[in-house]
């Protein structure tokens, strides 16, 4: 759960940048999996969950801003 605490301290721009990096990594991991060159299969799951965490945090922030 330390990851979500770290993400909460980041600004919206930093979260968007992290999301872009994770999506690139996810693409590369899918490519490696397709060519049977994947070293850590568990990393696919970690990246997918990190992307979900960032998107959840972004949607919470937008709904909180809309409520104000």
N, C-alpha and C. Protein backbone atom coordinates (compact mmCIF):
# COMPACT_ATOMS: atom_id res chain seq x y z
N UNK A 1 0.80 -1.20 0.00
CA UNK A 1 0.00 0.00 0.00
C UNK A 1 0.85 1.27 0.00
N UNK A 2 2.14 1.11 0.08
CA UNK A 2 3.01 2.28 0.06
C UNK A 2 2.93 2.99 -1.30
N UNK A 3 2.63 2.25 -2.34
CA UNK A 3 2.56 2.85 -3.67
C UNK A 3 1.46 3.89 -3.77
N UNK A 4 0.29 3.58 -3.21
CA UNK A 4 -0.82 4.52 -3.32
C UNK A 4 -0.52 5.78 -2.52
N UNK A 5 0.17 5.64 -1.41
CA UNK A 5 0.54 6.82 -0.63
C UNK A 5 1.50 7.70 -1.41
N UNK A 6 2.44 7.08 -2.12
CA UNK A 6 3.37 7.85 -2.95
C UNK A 6 2.63 8.56 -4.08
N UNK A 7 1.66 7.88 -4.65
CA UNK A 7 0.91 8.46 -5.77
C UNK A 7 0.05 9.62 -5.32
N UNK A 8 -0.48 9.56 -4.11
CA UNK A 8 -1.34 10.63 -3.63
C UNK A 8 -0.59 11.94 -3.45
N UNK A 9 0.72 11.86 -3.23
CA UNK A 9 1.51 13.08 -3.04
C UNK A 9 1.91 13.72 -4.36
N UNK A 10 1.75 13.01 -5.47
CA UNK A 10 2.14 13.54 -6.77
C UNK A 10 1.08 14.49 -7.30
N UNK A 11 1.53 15.42 -8.14
CA UNK A 11 0.60 16.35 -8.79
C UNK A 11 -0.09 15.65 -9.96
N UNK A 12 -1.09 16.31 -10.53
CA UNK A 12 -1.81 15.72 -11.66
C UNK A 12 -0.89 15.51 -12.85
N UNK A 13 0.02 16.46 -13.09
CA UNK A 13 0.95 16.33 -14.21
C UNK A 13 1.89 15.15 -14.00
N UNK A 14 2.36 14.98 -12.78
CA UNK A 14 3.26 13.85 -12.48
C UNK A 14 2.52 12.53 -12.65
N UNK A 15 1.26 12.48 -12.25
CA UNK A 15 0.48 11.25 -12.42
C UNK A 15 0.28 10.93 -13.90
N UNK A 16 0.00 11.95 -14.69
CA UNK A 16 -0.18 11.73 -16.12
C UNK A 16 1.11 11.23 -16.77
N UNK A 17 2.23 11.78 -16.34
CA UNK A 17 3.52 11.34 -16.86
C UNK A 17 3.79 9.89 -16.46
N UNK A 18 3.51 9.55 -15.21
CA UNK A 18 3.70 8.17 -14.74
C UNK A 18 2.81 7.21 -15.51
N UNK A 19 1.58 7.65 -15.78
CA UNK A 19 0.65 6.82 -16.53
C UNK A 19 1.18 6.54 -17.93
N UNK A 20 1.72 7.56 -18.58
CA UNK A 20 2.30 7.37 -19.92
C UNK A 20 3.46 6.40 -19.90
N UNK A 21 4.32 6.52 -18.89
CA UNK A 21 5.46 5.61 -18.78
C UNK A 21 5.00 4.18 -18.55
N UNK A 22 4.00 4.01 -17.69
CA UNK A 22 3.49 2.66 -17.41
C UNK A 22 2.83 2.05 -18.64
N UNK A 23 2.13 2.87 -19.42
CA UNK A 23 1.50 2.34 -20.63
C UNK A 23 2.55 1.91 -21.65
N UNK A 24 3.65 2.67 -21.74
CA UNK A 24 4.74 2.26 -22.64
C UNK A 24 5.35 0.95 -22.15
N UNK A 25 5.56 0.86 -20.84
CA UNK A 25 6.12 -0.37 -20.29
C UNK A 25 5.17 -1.54 -20.52
N UNK A 26 3.87 -1.31 -20.37
CA UNK A 26 2.90 -2.36 -20.60
C UNK A 26 2.95 -2.85 -22.05
N UNK A 27 3.09 -1.91 -22.98
CA UNK A 27 3.21 -2.28 -24.39
C UNK A 27 4.44 -3.14 -24.62
N UNK A 28 5.58 -2.71 -24.04
CA UNK A 28 6.81 -3.46 -24.20
C UNK A 28 6.71 -4.85 -23.58
N UNK A 29 6.06 -4.94 -22.44
CA UNK A 29 5.90 -6.24 -21.79
C UNK A 29 5.01 -7.16 -22.62
N UNK A 30 3.94 -6.61 -23.21
CA UNK A 30 3.08 -7.43 -24.07
C UNK A 30 3.86 -7.91 -25.28
N UNK A 31 4.69 -7.05 -25.82
CA UNK A 31 5.51 -7.43 -26.98
C UNK A 31 6.48 -8.54 -26.60
N UNK A 32 7.12 -8.41 -25.44
CA UNK A 32 8.04 -9.45 -24.97
C UNK A 32 7.32 -10.76 -24.72
N UNK A 33 6.11 -10.69 -24.18
CA UNK A 33 5.34 -11.90 -23.91
C UNK A 33 4.98 -12.60 -25.22
N UNK A 34 4.67 -11.81 -26.24
CA UNK A 34 4.30 -12.39 -27.53
C UNK A 34 5.48 -13.08 -28.20
N UNK A 35 6.69 -12.59 -27.92
CA UNK A 35 7.87 -13.18 -28.54
C UNK A 35 8.62 -14.11 -27.59
N UNK A 36 7.97 -14.47 -26.48
CA UNK A 36 8.54 -15.38 -25.48
C UNK A 36 9.88 -14.90 -24.93
N UNK A 37 10.01 -13.60 -24.69
CA UNK A 37 11.24 -13.04 -24.14
C UNK A 37 11.00 -12.40 -22.78
N UNK A 38 9.86 -12.70 -22.17
CA UNK A 38 9.48 -12.07 -20.92
C UNK A 38 10.25 -12.71 -19.76
N UNK A 39 11.00 -11.87 -19.01
CA UNK A 39 11.80 -12.38 -17.90
C UNK A 39 10.99 -12.48 -16.62
N UNK A 40 10.16 -11.46 -16.35
CA UNK A 40 9.36 -11.44 -15.13
C UNK A 40 7.87 -11.34 -15.48
N UNK A 41 7.19 -12.45 -15.61
CA UNK A 41 5.77 -12.41 -15.95
C UNK A 41 4.93 -11.67 -14.90
N UNK A 42 5.38 -11.64 -13.67
CA UNK A 42 4.62 -10.95 -12.62
C UNK A 42 4.61 -9.44 -12.83
N UNK A 43 5.57 -8.93 -13.57
CA UNK A 43 5.64 -7.48 -13.81
C UNK A 43 4.44 -7.00 -14.62
N UNK A 44 3.89 -7.86 -15.48
CA UNK A 44 2.71 -7.50 -16.28
C UNK A 44 1.56 -7.14 -15.34
N UNK A 45 1.37 -7.96 -14.33
CA UNK A 45 0.30 -7.75 -13.36
C UNK A 45 0.53 -6.47 -12.54
N UNK A 46 1.77 -6.27 -12.12
CA UNK A 46 2.11 -5.08 -11.33
C UNK A 46 1.83 -3.80 -12.12
N UNK A 47 2.25 -3.78 -13.37
CA UNK A 47 2.06 -2.59 -14.21
C UNK A 47 0.58 -2.34 -14.43
N UNK A 48 -0.17 -3.39 -14.70
CA UNK A 48 -1.61 -3.24 -14.93
C UNK A 48 -2.29 -2.67 -13.69
N UNK A 49 -1.90 -3.13 -12.52
CA UNK A 49 -2.51 -2.64 -11.28
C UNK A 49 -2.08 -1.20 -10.98
N UNK A 50 -0.83 -0.87 -11.28
CA UNK A 50 -0.38 0.51 -11.07
C UNK A 50 -1.15 1.47 -11.98
N UNK A 51 -1.40 1.06 -13.21
CA UNK A 51 -2.18 1.87 -14.14
C UNK A 51 -3.58 2.08 -13.56
N UNK A 52 -4.17 1.02 -13.03
CA UNK A 52 -5.51 1.13 -12.45
C UNK A 52 -5.50 2.05 -11.23
N UNK A 53 -4.45 1.98 -10.42
CA UNK A 53 -4.35 2.85 -9.25
C UNK A 53 -4.31 4.33 -9.66
N UNK A 54 -3.49 4.62 -10.68
CA UNK A 54 -3.38 6.00 -11.14
C UNK A 54 -4.70 6.49 -11.71
N UNK A 55 -5.36 5.67 -12.53
CA UNK A 55 -6.63 6.08 -13.11
C UNK A 55 -7.69 6.29 -12.04
N UNK A 56 -7.69 5.44 -11.02
CA UNK A 56 -8.64 5.59 -9.92
C UNK A 56 -8.39 6.90 -9.18
N UNK A 57 -7.13 7.17 -8.90
CA UNK A 57 -6.78 8.41 -8.19
C UNK A 57 -7.16 9.63 -9.01
N UNK A 58 -6.92 9.57 -10.33
CA UNK A 58 -7.28 10.70 -11.20
C UNK A 58 -8.79 10.91 -11.21
N UNK A 59 -9.57 9.84 -11.27
CA UNK A 59 -11.03 9.99 -11.31
C UNK A 59 -11.54 10.49 -9.96
N UNK A 60 -10.92 10.08 -8.86
CA UNK A 60 -11.32 10.60 -7.55
C UNK A 60 -11.05 12.09 -7.47
N UNK A 61 -9.93 12.51 -8.01
CA UNK A 61 -9.58 13.93 -7.96
C UNK A 61 -10.53 14.76 -8.82
N UNK A 62 -10.89 14.25 -9.98
CA UNK A 62 -11.80 15.00 -10.85
C UNK A 62 -13.20 15.06 -10.25
N UNK A 63 -13.66 14.00 -9.64
CA UNK A 63 -14.98 14.03 -9.02
C UNK A 63 -14.99 14.92 -7.78
N UNK A 64 -13.87 14.96 -7.05
CA UNK A 64 -13.78 15.85 -5.90
C UNK A 64 -13.76 17.31 -6.35
N UNK A 65 -13.09 17.57 -7.46
CA UNK A 65 -13.04 18.94 -7.98
C UNK A 65 -14.40 19.37 -8.51
N UNK A 66 -15.13 18.44 -9.10
CA UNK A 66 -16.46 18.76 -9.62
C UNK A 66 -17.45 18.99 -8.49
N UNK A 67 -17.22 18.36 -7.36
CA UNK A 67 -18.13 18.52 -6.23
C UNK A 67 -17.98 19.88 -5.55
N UNK A 68 -16.84 20.50 -5.75
CA UNK A 68 -16.60 21.80 -5.09
C UNK A 68 -17.30 22.93 -5.78
